[in-house]
Amino acid sequence: MRLRVDEAMDSLKQNKNRGEKLAKTHWPEKYKQLDIRNLFRYEITKRDYRLIYTIRGVGNTLTYQLLDFVDHDKYNKIFGYKG
């Protein structure tokens, strides 16, 4: 699993547009409580795992902060999808 997360994060660092920005109106409460300004999802595969992350910026430096690494079913539960 660790290798998959590392590969996905490296991929996102190379192209930040690979992840999908989630509208704030769709954020689950657990993320609304965090001090973040954006929330992204990156599908490792369609029926496999998801990365939930935020991007923080200071000056010209971007930091990718991994918030969750979950399977498809847990992702659906967190976001309230029927699955």
C-alpha atoms as a PDB file:
ATOM      1  CA  MET A   1       0.000   0.000   0.000  1.00  0.00           C
ATOM      2  CA  ARG A   2       2.744   2.442   0.928  1.00  0.00           C
ATOM      3  CA  LEU A   3       4.213   2.180  -2.567  1.00  0.00           C
ATOM      4  CA  ARG A   4       0.851   3.055  -4.128  1.00  0.00           C
ATOM      5  CA  VAL A   5       0.502   6.145  -1.942  1.00  0.00           C
ATOM      6  CA  ASP A   6       4.054   7.264  -2.718  1.00  0.00           C
ATOM      7  CA  GLU A   7       3.531   6.740  -6.462  1.00  0.00           C
ATOM      8  CA  ALA A   8       0.246   8.643  -6.396  1.00  0.00           C
ATOM      9  CA  MET A   9       1.729  11.560  -4.454  1.00  0.00           C
ATOM     10  CA  ASP A  10       4.704  11.718  -6.857  1.00  0.00           C
ATOM     11  CA  SER A  11       2.266  11.756  -9.772  1.00  0.00           C
ATOM     12  CA  LEU A  12       0.305  14.618  -8.205  1.00  0.00           C
ATOM     13  CA  LYS A  13       3.440  16.624  -7.556  1.00  0.00           C
ATOM     14  CA  GLN A  14       4.321  16.342 -11.245  1.00  0.00           C
ATOM     15  CA  ASN A  15       0.852  17.462 -12.330  1.00  0.00           C
ATOM     16  CA  LYS A  16      -1.437  18.953  -9.685  1.00  0.00           C
ATOM     17  CA  ASN A  17      -4.363  18.765 -12.114  1.00  0.00           C
ATOM     18  CA  ARG A  18      -4.499  14.970 -11.886  1.00  0.00           C
ATOM     19  CA  GLY A  19      -6.547  15.165  -8.714  1.00  0.00           C
ATOM     20  CA  GLU A  20     -10.162  16.299  -8.728  1.00  0.00           C
ATOM     21  CA  LYS A  21     -11.010  19.372  -6.668  1.00  0.00           C
ATOM     22  CA  LEU A  22     -14.088  18.779  -4.540  1.00  0.00           C
ATOM     23  CA  ALA A  23     -16.654  21.545  -4.134  1.00  0.00           C
ATOM     24  CA  LYS A  24     -16.764  22.843  -0.570  1.00  0.00           C
ATOM     25  CA  THR A  25     -20.517  22.243  -0.498  1.00  0.00           C
ATOM     26  CA  HIS A  26     -19.797  18.488  -0.787  1.00  0.00           C
ATOM     27  CA  TRP A  27     -17.156  18.272   1.958  1.00  0.00           C
ATOM     28  CA  PRO A  28     -18.045  15.869   4.762  1.00  0.00           C
ATOM     29  CA  GLU A  29     -18.063  17.383   8.240  1.00  0.00           C
ATOM     30  CA  LYS A  30     -14.770  15.716   9.185  1.00  0.00           C
ATOM     31  CA  TYR A  31     -12.983  17.834   6.556  1.00  0.00           C
ATOM     32  CA  LYS A  32     -14.944  21.041   7.179  1.00  0.00           C
ATOM     33  CA  GLN A  33     -13.530  21.073  10.698  1.00  0.00           C
ATOM     34  CA  LEU A  34      -9.946  21.193   9.430  1.00  0.00           C
ATOM     35  CA  ASP A  35      -8.060  24.398   8.725  1.00  0.00           C
ATOM     36  CA  ILE A  36      -7.969  23.830   4.962  1.00  0.00           C
ATOM     37  CA  ARG A  37      -8.985  25.896   1.952  1.00  0.00           C
ATOM     38  CA  ASN A  38      -9.239  23.126  -0.641  1.00  0.00           C
ATOM     39  CA  LEU A  39      -9.937  19.423  -0.827  1.00  0.00           C
ATOM     40  CA  PHE A  40      -8.987  17.017  -3.593  1.00  0.00           C
ATOM     41  CA  ARG A  41      -9.614  13.405  -4.490  1.00  0.00           C
ATOM     42  CA  TYR A  42      -7.288  11.230  -6.511  1.00  0.00           C
ATOM     43  CA  GLU A  43      -8.542   7.871  -7.752  1.00  0.00           C
ATOM     44  CA  ILE A  44      -5.773   5.317  -7.812  1.00  0.00           C
ATOM     45  CA  THR A  45      -8.116   3.125  -9.895  1.00  0.00           C
ATOM     46  CA  LYS A  46     -11.871   3.384 -10.469  1.00  0.00           C
ATOM     47  CA  ARG A  47     -12.808   0.557  -8.080  1.00  0.00           C
ATOM     48  CA  ASP A  48      -9.798   0.633  -5.784  1.00  0.00           C
ATOM     49  CA  TYR A  49      -8.397   3.295  -3.458  1.00  0.00           C
ATOM     50  CA  ARG A  50      -8.787   7.047  -3.134  1.00  0.00           C
ATOM     51  CA  LEU A  51      -6.438   9.668  -1.763  1.00  0.00           C
ATOM     52  CA  ILE A  52      -8.064  12.629  -0.077  1.00  0.00           C
ATOM     53  CA  TYR A  53      -5.645  15.519   0.239  1.00  0.00           C
ATOM     54  CA  THR A  54      -5.234  19.267   0.475  1.00  0.00           C
ATOM     55  CA  ILE A  55      -2.650  21.557  -1.057  1.00  0.00           C
ATOM     56  CA  ARG A  56      -1.150  24.269   1.082  1.00  0.00           C
ATOM     57  CA  GLY A  57       0.948  27.059  -0.315  1.00  0.00           C
ATOM     58  CA  VAL A  58       3.538  29.335   1.242  1.00  0.00           C
ATOM     59  CA  GLY A  59       5.137  31.679  -1.245  1.00  0.00           C
ATOM     60  CA  ASN A  60       6.081  29.578  -4.273  1.00  0.00           C
ATOM     61  CA  THR A  61       6.156  26.313  -2.316  1.00  0.00           C
ATOM     62  CA  LEU A  62       3.258  23.856  -2.463  1.00  0.00           C
ATOM     63  CA  THR A  63       2.811  21.185   0.172  1.00  0.00           C
ATOM     64  CA  TYR A  64       0.536  18.214  -0.433  1.00  0.00           C
ATOM     65  CA  GLN A  65      -1.025  16.997   2.804  1.00  0.00           C
ATOM     66  CA  LEU A  66      -2.556  13.531   2.690  1.00  0.00           C
ATOM     67  CA  LEU A  67      -5.717  13.453   4.794  1.00  0.00           C
ATOM     68  CA  ASP A  68      -7.071   9.978   4.003  1.00  0.00           C
ATOM     69  CA  PHE A  69      -6.197   6.902   2.010  1.00  0.00           C
ATOM     70  CA  VAL A  70      -9.371   4.828   1.764  1.00  0.00           C
ATOM     71  CA  ASP A  71     -10.890   2.070  -0.303  1.00  0.00           C
ATOM     72  CA  HIS A  72     -13.856   2.715  -2.576  1.00  0.00           C
ATOM     73  CA  ASP A  73     -16.476   1.546  -0.055  1.00  0.00           C
ATOM     74  CA  LYS A  74     -15.116   3.682   2.781  1.00  0.00           C
ATOM     75  CA  TYR A  75     -14.902   6.672   0.437  1.00  0.00           C
ATOM     76  CA  ASN A  76     -18.592   6.218  -0.419  1.00  0.00           C
ATOM     77  CA  LYS A  77     -19.461   6.027   3.269  1.00  0.00           C
ATOM     78  CA  ILE A  78     -17.458   9.158   4.173  1.00  0.00           C
ATOM     79  CA  PHE A  79     -19.041  11.170   1.359  1.00  0.00           C
ATOM     80  CA  GLY A  80     -22.548   9.753   1.836  1.00  0.00           C
ATOM     81  CA  TYR A  81     -22.831   7.870  -1.442  1.00  0.00           C
ATOM     82  CA  LYS A  82     -25.003   4.763  -1.585  1.00  0.00           C
ATOM     83  CA  GLY A  83     -22.271   2.786  -3.335  1.00  0.00           C
END
